[in-house]
């Protein structure tokens, strides 16, 4: 699935970032502390997402 989507990334204008591992606990499930309903992140979940995107966004911005 990821390889199929990543083929559209041209590295200049379209980037592909896999950040799903950041949301998984040691048992490979999503901890309730970051996604209480297992679908929508709470503030802690959005913080993890922002931290995952930060390096890539800094690299892309002039």
N, C-alpha and C. Protein backbone atom coordinates (compact mmCIF):
# COMPACT_ATOMS: atom_id res chain seq x y z
N UNK A 1 0.82 -1.19 0.00
CA UNK A 1 0.00 0.00 0.00
C UNK A 1 0.87 1.25 0.00
N UNK A 2 1.87 1.33 0.87
CA UNK A 2 2.70 2.53 0.94
C UNK A 2 3.52 2.72 -0.32
N UNK A 3 4.06 1.63 -0.86
CA UNK A 3 4.87 1.74 -2.07
C UNK A 3 4.03 2.26 -3.22
N UNK A 4 2.79 1.82 -3.29
CA UNK A 4 1.90 2.27 -4.36
C UNK A 4 1.65 3.77 -4.26
N UNK A 5 1.41 4.27 -3.07
CA UNK A 5 1.17 5.69 -2.88
C UNK A 5 2.45 6.51 -3.05
N UNK A 6 3.57 5.95 -2.65
CA UNK A 6 4.81 6.71 -2.70
C UNK A 6 5.29 6.91 -4.12
N UNK A 7 4.81 6.15 -5.09
CA UNK A 7 5.25 6.32 -6.47
C UNK A 7 4.81 7.68 -7.04
N UNK A 8 3.85 8.33 -6.39
CA UNK A 8 3.41 9.64 -6.83
C UNK A 8 4.29 10.76 -6.29
N UNK A 9 5.13 10.45 -5.34
CA UNK A 9 6.00 11.45 -4.74
C UNK A 9 7.17 11.72 -5.68
N UNK A 10 7.28 12.97 -6.11
CA UNK A 10 8.37 13.34 -7.02
C UNK A 10 9.56 13.95 -6.28
N UNK A 11 9.48 14.03 -4.96
CA UNK A 11 10.51 14.52 -4.04
C UNK A 11 10.68 16.04 -4.09
N UNK A 12 10.23 16.69 -5.14
CA UNK A 12 10.35 18.15 -5.21
C UNK A 12 9.07 18.84 -4.76
N UNK A 13 7.94 18.42 -5.32
CA UNK A 13 6.67 19.07 -4.97
C UNK A 13 5.74 18.15 -4.19
N UNK A 14 5.94 16.87 -4.28
CA UNK A 14 5.10 15.92 -3.56
C UNK A 14 6.02 15.03 -2.73
N UNK A 15 5.76 14.98 -1.43
CA UNK A 15 6.54 14.15 -0.53
C UNK A 15 5.63 13.13 0.12
N UNK A 16 6.18 12.02 0.51
CA UNK A 16 5.41 10.95 1.13
C UNK A 16 6.07 10.62 2.47
N UNK A 17 5.30 10.70 3.52
CA UNK A 17 5.83 10.45 4.86
C UNK A 17 5.00 9.37 5.55
N UNK A 18 5.64 8.32 5.96
CA UNK A 18 4.96 7.26 6.72
C UNK A 18 5.25 7.53 8.20
N UNK A 19 4.23 7.91 8.94
CA UNK A 19 4.42 8.22 10.35
C UNK A 19 3.58 7.32 11.26
N UNK A 20 2.98 6.31 10.71
CA UNK A 20 2.07 5.46 11.48
C UNK A 20 2.75 4.78 12.67
N UNK A 21 4.02 4.44 12.56
CA UNK A 21 4.71 3.75 13.65
C UNK A 21 4.77 4.60 14.92
N UNK A 22 4.75 5.92 14.77
CA UNK A 22 4.80 6.80 15.93
C UNK A 22 3.55 6.68 16.80
N UNK A 23 2.47 6.21 16.21
CA UNK A 23 1.21 6.11 16.94
C UNK A 23 1.01 4.76 17.61
N UNK A 24 1.92 3.83 17.39
CA UNK A 24 1.75 2.48 17.92
C UNK A 24 2.51 2.29 19.23
N UNK A 25 1.88 1.57 20.13
CA UNK A 25 2.52 1.24 21.39
C UNK A 25 3.41 0.01 21.24
N UNK A 26 4.00 -0.43 22.31
CA UNK A 26 4.88 -1.61 22.28
C UNK A 26 4.18 -2.87 21.81
N UNK A 27 2.87 -2.93 22.01
CA UNK A 27 2.10 -4.11 21.59
C UNK A 27 1.50 -3.93 20.20
N UNK A 28 1.95 -2.93 19.46
CA UNK A 28 1.51 -2.63 18.08
C UNK A 28 0.05 -2.20 17.99
N UNK A 29 -0.50 -1.69 19.07
CA UNK A 29 -1.84 -1.12 19.03
C UNK A 29 -1.73 0.38 19.31
N UNK A 30 -2.80 1.09 19.01
CA UNK A 30 -2.83 2.52 19.26
C UNK A 30 -3.24 2.75 20.71
N UNK A 31 -2.37 3.36 21.50
CA UNK A 31 -2.71 3.60 22.91
C UNK A 31 -3.87 4.58 23.06
N UNK A 32 -4.75 4.30 24.01
CA UNK A 32 -5.89 5.18 24.27
C UNK A 32 -5.44 6.58 24.70
N UNK A 33 -4.23 6.70 25.21
CA UNK A 33 -3.74 7.99 25.68
C UNK A 33 -3.53 8.98 24.53
N UNK A 34 -3.40 8.49 23.29
CA UNK A 34 -3.24 9.40 22.16
C UNK A 34 -4.44 9.37 21.19
N UNK A 35 -5.21 8.27 21.21
CA UNK A 35 -6.42 8.16 20.39
C UNK A 35 -7.49 7.41 21.18
N UNK A 36 -8.20 8.12 22.05
CA UNK A 36 -9.17 7.45 22.93
C UNK A 36 -10.24 6.64 22.19
N UNK A 37 -10.65 7.09 21.01
CA UNK A 37 -11.67 6.35 20.26
C UNK A 37 -11.07 5.48 19.17
N UNK A 38 -9.74 5.38 19.15
CA UNK A 38 -9.00 4.59 18.17
C UNK A 38 -9.13 5.12 16.73
N UNK A 39 -9.60 6.35 16.59
CA UNK A 39 -9.77 6.93 15.27
C UNK A 39 -9.26 8.37 15.21
N UNK A 40 -9.61 9.16 16.20
CA UNK A 40 -9.28 10.58 16.21
C UNK A 40 -8.21 10.88 17.26
N UNK A 41 -7.10 11.48 16.84
CA UNK A 41 -6.07 11.83 17.83
C UNK A 41 -6.55 12.93 18.76
N UNK A 42 -6.07 12.89 19.99
CA UNK A 42 -6.31 13.99 20.92
C UNK A 42 -5.09 14.91 20.84
N UNK A 43 -4.94 15.83 21.77
CA UNK A 43 -3.81 16.78 21.73
C UNK A 43 -2.46 16.06 21.70
N UNK A 44 -2.33 15.00 22.48
CA UNK A 44 -1.07 14.24 22.50
C UNK A 44 -0.82 13.56 21.15
N UNK A 45 -1.86 13.07 20.54
CA UNK A 45 -1.73 12.44 19.22
C UNK A 45 -1.34 13.44 18.16
N UNK A 46 -1.95 14.62 18.20
CA UNK A 46 -1.58 15.65 17.23
C UNK A 46 -0.16 16.13 17.45
N UNK A 47 0.30 16.13 18.70
CA UNK A 47 1.69 16.50 18.98
C UNK A 47 2.65 15.50 18.34
N UNK A 48 2.35 14.21 18.45
CA UNK A 48 3.17 13.19 17.80
C UNK A 48 3.20 13.38 16.29
N UNK A 49 2.06 13.68 15.73
CA UNK A 49 1.94 13.90 14.28
C UNK A 49 2.78 15.11 13.86
N UNK A 50 2.68 16.18 14.61
CA UNK A 50 3.45 17.40 14.31
C UNK A 50 4.95 17.11 14.39
N UNK A 51 5.37 16.37 15.41
CA UNK A 51 6.79 16.04 15.55
C UNK A 51 7.28 15.17 14.40
N UNK A 52 6.42 14.31 13.88
CA UNK A 52 6.80 13.47 12.74
C UNK A 52 6.96 14.30 11.47
N UNK A 53 6.13 15.32 11.31
CA UNK A 53 6.16 16.14 10.09
C UNK A 53 7.21 17.24 10.13
N UNK A 54 7.59 17.68 11.32
CA UNK A 54 8.48 18.84 11.48
C UNK A 54 9.75 18.77 10.62
N UNK A 55 10.56 17.72 10.68
CA UNK A 55 11.79 17.70 9.90
C UNK A 55 11.56 17.81 8.39
N UNK A 56 10.55 17.12 7.92
CA UNK A 56 10.25 17.17 6.49
C UNK A 56 9.76 18.55 6.07
N UNK A 57 8.91 19.17 6.87
CA UNK A 57 8.43 20.51 6.55
C UNK A 57 9.56 21.53 6.57
N UNK A 58 10.46 21.41 7.54
CA UNK A 58 11.60 22.32 7.59
C UNK A 58 12.50 22.16 6.37
N UNK A 59 12.64 20.94 5.92
CA UNK A 59 13.45 20.67 4.73
C UNK A 59 12.80 21.25 3.47
N UNK A 60 11.48 21.23 3.42
CA UNK A 60 10.77 21.69 2.22
C UNK A 60 10.61 23.21 2.15
N UNK A 61 10.55 23.86 3.31
CA UNK A 61 10.33 25.31 3.31
C UNK A 61 11.62 26.05 3.02
N UNK A 62 11.51 27.16 2.27
CA UNK A 62 12.72 27.92 1.93
C UNK A 62 13.30 28.65 3.12
